[in-house]
Amino acid sequence: MAHEDPSLNAEARRLRLMFVRFSFVVTCIIGLLVSVLLMLQDRDLTAAEVFSSIGLNLFASVIFAFMFSVLTNWVQDRHFRDTLKEGLDDFATEMRKSLRRDNELFLPAKNYAALDPSDGFGEPFNRDVTIDLEGSDFFAFYGPSARYVAARLHAAQRRPQQIRIAMINPANRRAIQRRAADRSAWPRTSGKSIDDIERDLEDELLMNLVSLFDCRRFCPIEVLYNDDTAVYRYVMFDQGVYVSWYHGPQSAEKELPESYRFDKDSFTYSTFRMDLARRFEISSHKVTFEAGQGDDMLIEHLRGLTGREIGPADLARWRAAQIEDSAEFRDFLGKIRHNGGQKHMSASKDVNGAVKK
């Protein structure tokens, strides 16, 4: 919606006031000139005639003053109403602009309900994530466990050229214990001891590292080990960021928490992207998986990371476990594409692969 410039409205008000003053001055000058000219027409008037003429003119002046006062009040009243209306319009315009800026900065563009995998993985969320993934050159994950990242990358028809993953260090016992305590409320962990949940999570983290290593041929994979508190996670692209709130009102006992999408111009996106860049800049606890590396490099890295004896058989076991663990999710992504997701995704991208808004 187009809005008038407030400076133009102020200029219009100033011009109207100037014209009112100018009209008053011109009227007075013309009246005086006409009076003088008429008085000079006849020099033979007697004093009585002069006083009579002055009295008549005074009477006429009263009538003129009354008419001028009425006219001036009408003009001033109209000027006041116009000024008030323009002032309110200016205020409303600025208020709308301020609200729009605040909405873009702080409010999410979309929100997604919490779910359990038994109820599905959430088509709206995963469709939007896939669209942004395939239209972005940058992809980042921050959270406790990058469980489905590799499956997303394998399913994508176009992949980013920079991938950054921040996840729990498999050797960080306290972080694993904290996340395991949160997972104990999930339906699928019902009946398991906390020790079993911790072992499963540690094994999942190692499985995730192996699956990310196997994605290194798409592009270099940067992995940062952090002391995540498992309060939230996010996936970030060029177009926006999806923040998942593990402890939100809807997320209690749900494996897939409620999520929100923030556009790239938002406060949340700008803050998270800068924070992630600085974490990778200052942290020494990270690794980069590249296409030229082999399993020997991965085995050596995992041994140094965990202090455990790890060999080729362990890698094979984790690869098989990852395929089994993500099978249902990969089928779900395929169904989204088959059941209309492909049409939506293709329509949302131009020839360069950029997402259209």
Protein backbone atom coordinates (compact mmCIF):
# COMPACT_ATOMS: atom_id res chain seq x y z
CA MET A 1 0.00 0.00 0.00
CA ALA A 2 1.38 3.43 -0.98
CA HIS A 3 1.50 6.17 1.66
CA GLU A 4 1.99 9.92 1.33
CA ASP A 5 5.26 11.35 2.54
CA PRO A 6 4.65 13.15 5.89
CA SER A 7 7.03 15.92 4.78
CA LEU A 8 4.76 16.65 1.80
CA ASN A 9 1.71 16.93 4.10
CA ALA A 10 3.59 19.38 6.34
CA GLU A 11 4.55 21.46 3.30
CA ALA A 12 0.91 21.57 2.14
CA ARG A 13 -0.23 22.78 5.57
CA ARG A 14 2.43 25.50 5.57
CA LEU A 15 1.37 26.71 2.12
CA ARG A 16 -2.31 26.88 3.12
CA LEU A 17 -1.50 28.98 6.19
CA MET A 18 0.63 31.31 4.10
CA PHE A 19 -2.19 31.78 1.57
CA VAL A 20 -4.67 32.68 4.38
CA ARG A 21 -2.34 35.33 5.74
CA PHE A 22 -1.61 36.68 2.29
CA SER A 23 -5.32 36.97 1.49
CA PHE A 24 -5.96 38.96 4.69
CA VAL A 25 -3.13 41.44 3.99
CA VAL A 26 -4.17 41.93 0.35
CA THR A 27 -7.81 42.54 1.37
CA CYS A 28 -6.78 45.23 3.89
CA ILE A 29 -4.49 46.99 1.41
CA ILE A 30 -7.11 47.00 -1.36
CA GLY A 31 -9.76 48.35 1.07
CA LEU A 32 -7.49 51.20 2.17
CA LEU A 33 -6.59 52.14 -1.40
CA VAL A 34 -10.21 52.18 -2.54
CA SER A 35 -11.20 54.32 0.48
CA VAL A 36 -8.50 56.88 -0.19
CA LEU A 37 -9.33 57.09 -3.89
CA LEU A 38 -13.03 57.62 -3.21
CA MET A 39 -12.35 60.34 -0.64
CA LEU A 40 -10.15 62.23 -3.09
CA GLN A 41 -12.92 62.38 -5.69
CA ASP A 42 -14.80 65.19 -3.93
CA ARG A 43 -12.98 68.03 -2.05
CA ASP A 44 -16.08 70.22 -1.45
CA LEU A 45 -17.68 68.07 1.24
CA THR A 46 -18.86 69.77 4.44
CA ALA A 47 -17.85 68.53 7.89
CA ALA A 48 -21.35 67.07 8.45
CA GLU A 49 -21.14 65.19 5.17
CA VAL A 50 -17.68 63.91 6.05
CA PHE A 51 -18.80 62.70 9.49
CA SER A 52 -21.91 61.17 7.95
CA SER A 53 -19.75 59.39 5.40
CA ILE A 54 -17.40 58.16 8.13
CA GLY A 55 -20.33 56.85 10.17
CA LEU A 56 -21.72 55.06 7.12
CA ASN A 57 -18.30 53.57 6.44
CA LEU A 58 -17.94 52.49 10.05
CA PHE A 59 -21.31 50.72 9.78
CA ALA A 60 -20.14 49.08 6.56
CA SER A 61 -16.88 48.14 8.30
CA VAL A 62 -18.80 46.39 11.07
CA ILE A 63 -20.73 44.40 8.48
CA PHE A 64 -17.47 43.62 6.64
CA ALA A 65 -15.73 42.66 9.88
CA PHE A 66 -18.61 40.31 10.74
CA MET A 67 -18.53 38.70 7.30
CA PHE A 68 -14.72 38.49 7.37
CA SER A 69 -14.78 36.94 10.85
CA VAL A 70 -17.31 34.32 9.77
CA LEU A 71 -15.29 33.53 6.65
CA THR A 72 -12.00 33.42 8.56
CA ASN A 73 -13.44 31.13 11.23
CA TRP A 74 -14.76 28.82 8.54
CA VAL A 75 -11.37 28.74 6.82
CA GLN A 76 -9.55 28.17 10.10
CA ASP A 77 -11.96 25.44 11.14
CA ARG A 78 -11.49 23.67 7.81
CA HIS A 79 -7.74 24.13 8.08
CA PHE A 80 -7.82 22.66 11.60
CA ARG A 81 -9.86 19.64 10.49
CA ASP A 82 -7.54 19.05 7.52
CA THR A 83 -4.48 19.39 9.73
CA LEU A 84 -5.91 17.01 12.33
CA LYS A 85 -6.86 14.44 9.68
CA GLU A 86 -3.45 14.63 8.06
CA GLY A 87 -1.76 14.35 11.44
CA LEU A 88 -3.80 11.25 12.29
CA ASP A 89 -3.06 9.80 8.84
CA ASP A 90 0.65 10.43 9.38
CA PHE A 91 0.49 8.79 12.81
CA ALA A 92 -1.40 5.78 11.44
CA THR A 93 1.11 5.44 8.59
CA GLU A 94 4.08 5.51 10.93
CA MET A 95 2.35 3.08 13.30
CA ARG A 96 1.70 0.61 10.45
CA LYS A 97 5.32 0.89 9.34
CA SER A 98 6.54 0.31 12.89
CA LEU A 99 4.29 -2.72 13.38
CA ARG A 100 5.37 -4.17 10.05
CA ARG A 101 9.05 -3.74 10.95
CA ASP A 102 8.50 -5.34 14.38
CA ASN A 103 6.58 -8.24 12.84
CA GLU A 104 9.37 -8.91 10.34
CA LEU A 105 12.01 -8.69 13.06
CA PHE A 106 10.49 -10.71 15.89
CA LEU A 107 7.44 -12.75 14.82
CA PRO A 108 7.68 -16.13 13.06
CA ALA A 109 6.43 -16.38 9.50
CA LYS A 110 5.00 -19.89 10.14
CA ASN A 111 4.51 -22.32 13.01
CA TYR A 112 4.25 -26.12 13.11
CA ALA A 113 2.64 -28.33 15.76
CA ALA A 114 4.52 -30.88 17.85
CA LEU A 115 4.19 -34.53 16.77
CA ASP A 116 5.23 -38.09 17.54
CA PRO A 117 6.67 -40.15 14.67
CA SER A 118 3.78 -42.57 15.17
CA ASP A 119 1.49 -39.73 14.03
CA GLY A 120 3.71 -38.83 11.06
CA PHE A 121 6.70 -36.56 10.65
CA GLY A 122 4.72 -33.42 9.82
CA GLU A 123 4.15 -32.78 6.11
CA PRO A 124 3.95 -28.95 6.22
CA PHE A 125 7.22 -28.67 8.16
CA ASN A 126 9.17 -31.16 6.06
CA ARG A 127 7.80 -29.84 2.76
CA ASP A 128 8.88 -26.29 3.64
CA VAL A 129 12.27 -27.47 4.88
CA THR A 130 12.84 -29.43 1.68
CA ILE A 131 11.91 -26.44 -0.50
CA ASP A 132 14.37 -24.22 1.37
CA LEU A 133 17.05 -26.92 1.38
CA GLU A 134 16.87 -27.39 -2.39
CA GLY A 135 16.92 -23.62 -2.98
CA SER A 136 19.83 -22.80 -0.69
CA ASP A 137 23.61 -22.85 -0.99
CA PHE A 138 24.00 -22.87 2.80
CA PHE A 139 22.67 -25.38 5.33
CA ALA A 140 23.31 -25.51 9.06
CA PHE A 141 22.04 -27.69 11.86
CA TYR A 142 22.37 -26.88 15.56
CA GLY A 143 21.01 -29.24 18.19
CA PRO A 144 21.64 -32.33 20.30
CA SER A 145 21.49 -34.98 17.57
CA ALA A 146 21.64 -34.55 13.80
CA ARG A 147 19.62 -37.73 13.38
CA TYR A 148 17.84 -37.01 10.07
CA VAL A 149 20.32 -34.63 8.42
CA ALA A 150 22.00 -37.26 6.23
CA ALA A 151 18.62 -38.64 5.12
CA ARG A 152 17.53 -35.13 4.06
CA LEU A 153 20.71 -34.58 2.08
CA HIS A 154 20.42 -37.92 0.28
CA ALA A 155 16.75 -37.25 -0.58
CA ALA A 156 17.34 -33.71 -1.89
CA GLN A 157 17.46 -33.17 -5.66
CA ARG A 158 19.72 -30.13 -5.23
CA ARG A 159 22.13 -29.87 -2.31
CA PRO A 160 23.84 -26.91 -0.60
CA GLN A 161 27.51 -26.18 -1.14
CA GLN A 162 28.25 -25.31 2.50
CA ILE A 163 27.08 -27.55 5.35
CA ARG A 164 27.73 -26.90 9.02
CA ILE A 165 26.60 -29.22 11.83
CA ALA A 166 26.79 -28.40 15.55
CA MET A 167 25.94 -31.38 17.77
CA ILE A 168 26.68 -33.01 21.12
CA ASN A 169 30.14 -34.52 21.49
CA PRO A 170 29.68 -38.32 21.86
CA ALA A 171 32.30 -38.18 24.64
CA ASN A 172 30.45 -35.50 26.64
CA ARG A 173 28.83 -37.63 29.34
CA ARG A 174 27.05 -34.77 31.11
CA ALA A 175 25.47 -33.48 27.91
CA ILE A 176 24.35 -37.01 27.03
CA GLN A 177 22.87 -37.48 30.50
CA ARG A 178 20.96 -34.22 30.23
CA ARG A 179 19.50 -35.12 26.82
CA ALA A 180 18.75 -38.69 27.92
CA ALA A 181 16.73 -37.35 30.86
CA ASP A 182 14.60 -35.34 28.39
CA ARG A 183 14.12 -38.39 26.17
CA SER A 184 12.92 -40.54 29.07
CA ALA A 185 9.46 -38.90 28.66
CA TRP A 186 9.11 -40.09 25.06
CA PRO A 187 6.63 -42.92 24.39
CA ARG A 188 9.24 -45.01 22.54
CA THR A 189 11.59 -44.99 25.53
CA SER A 190 8.89 -46.15 27.95
CA GLY A 191 10.18 -49.00 30.12
CA LYS A 192 13.86 -48.32 29.41
CA SER A 193 16.30 -47.45 32.18
CA ILE A 194 18.11 -44.12 32.02
CA ASP A 195 21.39 -46.00 31.46
CA ASP A 196 19.95 -47.72 28.39
CA ILE A 197 18.69 -44.39 27.04
CA GLU A 198 22.15 -42.86 27.52
CA ARG A 199 23.85 -45.76 25.71
CA ASP A 200 21.34 -45.54 22.86
CA LEU A 201 21.95 -41.78 22.54
CA GLU A 202 25.74 -42.20 22.52
CA ASP A 203 25.42 -44.85 19.82
CA GLU A 204 23.06 -42.56 17.86
CA LEU A 205 25.56 -39.71 17.95
CA LEU A 206 28.32 -41.95 16.58
CA MET A 207 25.92 -43.27 13.93
CA ASN A 208 25.15 -39.66 12.94
CA LEU A 209 28.85 -38.87 12.54
CA VAL A 210 29.31 -41.87 10.25
CA SER A 211 26.26 -40.88 8.17
CA LEU A 212 27.53 -37.28 7.89
CA PHE A 213 30.97 -38.57 6.87
CA ASP A 214 29.26 -40.50 4.06
CA CYS A 215 27.78 -37.20 2.77
CA ARG A 216 31.23 -35.65 2.24
CA ARG A 217 31.08 -36.16 -1.53
CA PHE A 218 28.20 -33.68 -1.80
CA CYS A 219 30.43 -30.96 -0.32
CA PRO A 220 32.74 -30.57 2.70
CA ILE A 221 30.87 -31.28 5.96
CA GLU A 222 31.96 -29.14 8.93
CA VAL A 223 31.09 -30.63 12.33
CA LEU A 224 31.36 -28.70 15.60
CA TYR A 225 31.11 -30.47 18.96
CA ASN A 226 29.26 -28.29 21.46
CA ASP A 227 27.89 -28.54 24.99
CA ASP A 228 24.27 -28.39 23.87
CA THR A 229 21.64 -28.03 26.61
CA ALA A 230 18.84 -29.51 24.45
CA VAL A 231 16.50 -26.57 24.96
CA TYR A 232 16.04 -25.95 21.22
CA ARG A 233 17.43 -26.90 17.84
CA TYR A 234 17.42 -25.16 14.48
CA VAL A 235 18.01 -25.82 10.81
CA MET A 236 19.14 -22.80 8.80
CA PHE A 237 19.16 -21.96 5.08
CA ASP A 238 19.75 -18.87 2.95
CA GLN A 239 16.02 -18.04 3.08
CA GLY A 240 15.25 -18.57 6.77
CA VAL A 241 15.67 -20.62 9.94
CA TYR A 242 13.40 -23.27 11.52
CA VAL A 243 13.60 -23.20 15.32
CA SER A 244 12.26 -26.18 17.28
CA TRP A 245 11.41 -25.65 20.96
CA TYR A 246 11.91 -28.87 22.91
CA HIS A 247 10.30 -27.54 26.09
CA GLY A 248 7.44 -25.56 24.55
CA PRO A 249 3.84 -25.90 25.80
CA GLN A 250 2.94 -28.34 22.99
CA SER A 251 6.19 -30.30 23.06
CA ALA A 252 5.80 -32.19 26.34
CA GLU A 253 6.49 -35.90 25.75
CA LYS A 254 6.63 -35.30 21.97
CA GLU A 255 9.62 -36.55 19.99
CA LEU A 256 9.16 -33.90 17.27
CA PRO A 257 8.79 -30.53 19.05
CA GLU A 258 6.78 -27.50 17.97
CA SER A 259 8.67 -25.41 15.44
CA TYR A 260 8.68 -21.89 14.01
CA ARG A 261 10.04 -20.47 10.77
CA PHE A 262 11.72 -17.04 10.81
CA ASP A 263 12.63 -15.24 7.57
CA LYS A 264 16.19 -14.18 6.76
CA ASP A 265 15.50 -10.52 7.68
CA SER A 266 14.39 -11.41 11.21
CA PHE A 267 16.24 -10.79 14.46
CA THR A 268 16.29 -14.54 15.18
CA TYR A 269 17.89 -15.46 11.84
CA SER A 270 20.52 -12.71 11.98
CA THR A 271 21.45 -13.54 15.58
CA PHE A 272 21.66 -17.32 15.09
CA ARG A 273 23.68 -17.04 11.88
CA MET A 274 26.24 -14.70 13.41
CA ASP A 275 26.44 -16.82 16.57
CA LEU A 276 27.00 -20.00 14.55
CA ALA A 277 29.71 -18.37 12.42
CA ARG A 278 31.54 -17.21 15.55
CA ARG A 279 31.25 -20.64 17.20
CA PHE A 280 32.96 -22.23 14.20
CA GLU A 281 35.54 -19.43 14.17
CA ILE A 282 36.65 -19.66 17.80
CA SER A 283 36.15 -23.36 18.62
CA SER A 284 39.00 -25.83 18.20
CA HIS A 285 36.75 -28.83 18.86
CA LYS A 286 35.61 -29.46 15.30
CA VAL A 287 36.33 -31.56 12.22
CA THR A 288 35.78 -31.27 8.46
CA PHE A 289 34.88 -34.30 6.34
CA GLU A 290 36.08 -33.99 2.72
CA ALA A 291 35.72 -36.09 -0.41
CA GLY A 292 39.33 -37.29 -0.46
CA GLN A 293 39.20 -38.84 3.01
CA GLY A 294 38.74 -42.56 3.63
CA ASP A 295 37.38 -44.70 6.45
CA ASP A 296 40.82 -44.80 8.07
CA MET A 297 40.58 -41.07 8.77
CA LEU A 298 37.10 -41.49 10.30
CA ILE A 299 38.21 -44.41 12.49
CA GLU A 300 41.19 -42.44 13.76
CA HIS A 301 38.99 -39.43 14.47
CA LEU A 302 36.37 -41.45 16.38
CA ARG A 303 39.05 -43.22 18.43
CA GLY A 304 40.58 -39.91 19.45
CA LEU A 305 37.16 -38.44 20.16
CA THR A 306 35.76 -41.23 22.34
CA GLY A 307 38.85 -43.08 23.59
CA ARG A 308 37.22 -46.33 22.43
CA GLU A 309 38.62 -49.03 20.16
CA ILE A 310 36.69 -48.53 16.93
CA GLY A 311 37.25 -50.50 13.72
CA PRO A 312 35.72 -51.14 10.26
CA ALA A 313 33.12 -53.49 11.75
CA ASP A 314 31.80 -50.66 13.92
CA LEU A 315 31.47 -48.38 10.89
CA ALA A 316 29.57 -51.10 9.02
CA ARG A 317 27.26 -51.60 12.00
CA TRP A 318 26.52 -47.87 12.31
CA ARG A 319 25.91 -47.54 8.56
CA ALA A 320 23.41 -50.36 8.64
CA ALA A 321 21.76 -48.90 11.74
CA GLN A 322 21.45 -45.50 10.08
CA ILE A 323 19.76 -47.00 7.02
CA GLU A 324 17.31 -48.87 9.24
CA ASP A 325 16.69 -45.90 11.55
CA SER A 326 15.98 -43.44 8.71
CA ALA A 327 14.06 -45.78 6.40
CA GLU A 328 10.62 -44.62 7.53
CA PHE A 329 11.66 -40.95 7.31
CA ARG A 330 13.12 -41.41 3.80
CA ASP A 331 9.88 -43.08 2.67
CA PHE A 332 7.96 -40.16 4.15
CA LEU A 333 10.04 -37.63 2.18
CA GLY A 334 9.45 -39.65 -0.97
CA LYS A 335 5.69 -39.62 -0.41
CA ILE A 336 5.69 -35.84 0.06
CA ARG A 337 7.38 -35.45 -3.31
CA HIS A 338 5.13 -38.03 -4.99
CA ASN A 339 1.87 -36.68 -3.52
CA GLY A 340 2.24 -33.13 -4.73
CA GLY A 341 5.37 -31.98 -2.98
CA GLN A 342 7.33 -32.16 -6.24
CA LYS A 343 4.86 -29.80 -7.94
CA HIS A 344 5.05 -27.29 -5.09
CA MET A 345 8.84 -27.48 -4.91
CA SER A 346 9.36 -27.08 -8.65
CA ALA A 347 6.94 -24.15 -8.81
CA SER A 348 8.75 -22.47 -5.95
CA LYS A 349 12.14 -22.38 -7.68
CA ASP A 350 13.41 -20.48 -10.72
CA VAL A 351 15.97 -21.77 -13.22
CA ASN A 352 18.81 -20.88 -10.85
CA GLY A 353 17.26 -22.88 -8.03
CA ALA A 354 16.46 -19.81 -5.94
CA VAL A 355 13.26 -19.91 -3.93
CA LYS A 356 10.66 -17.38 -5.05
CA LYS A 357 8.70 -15.46 -2.46
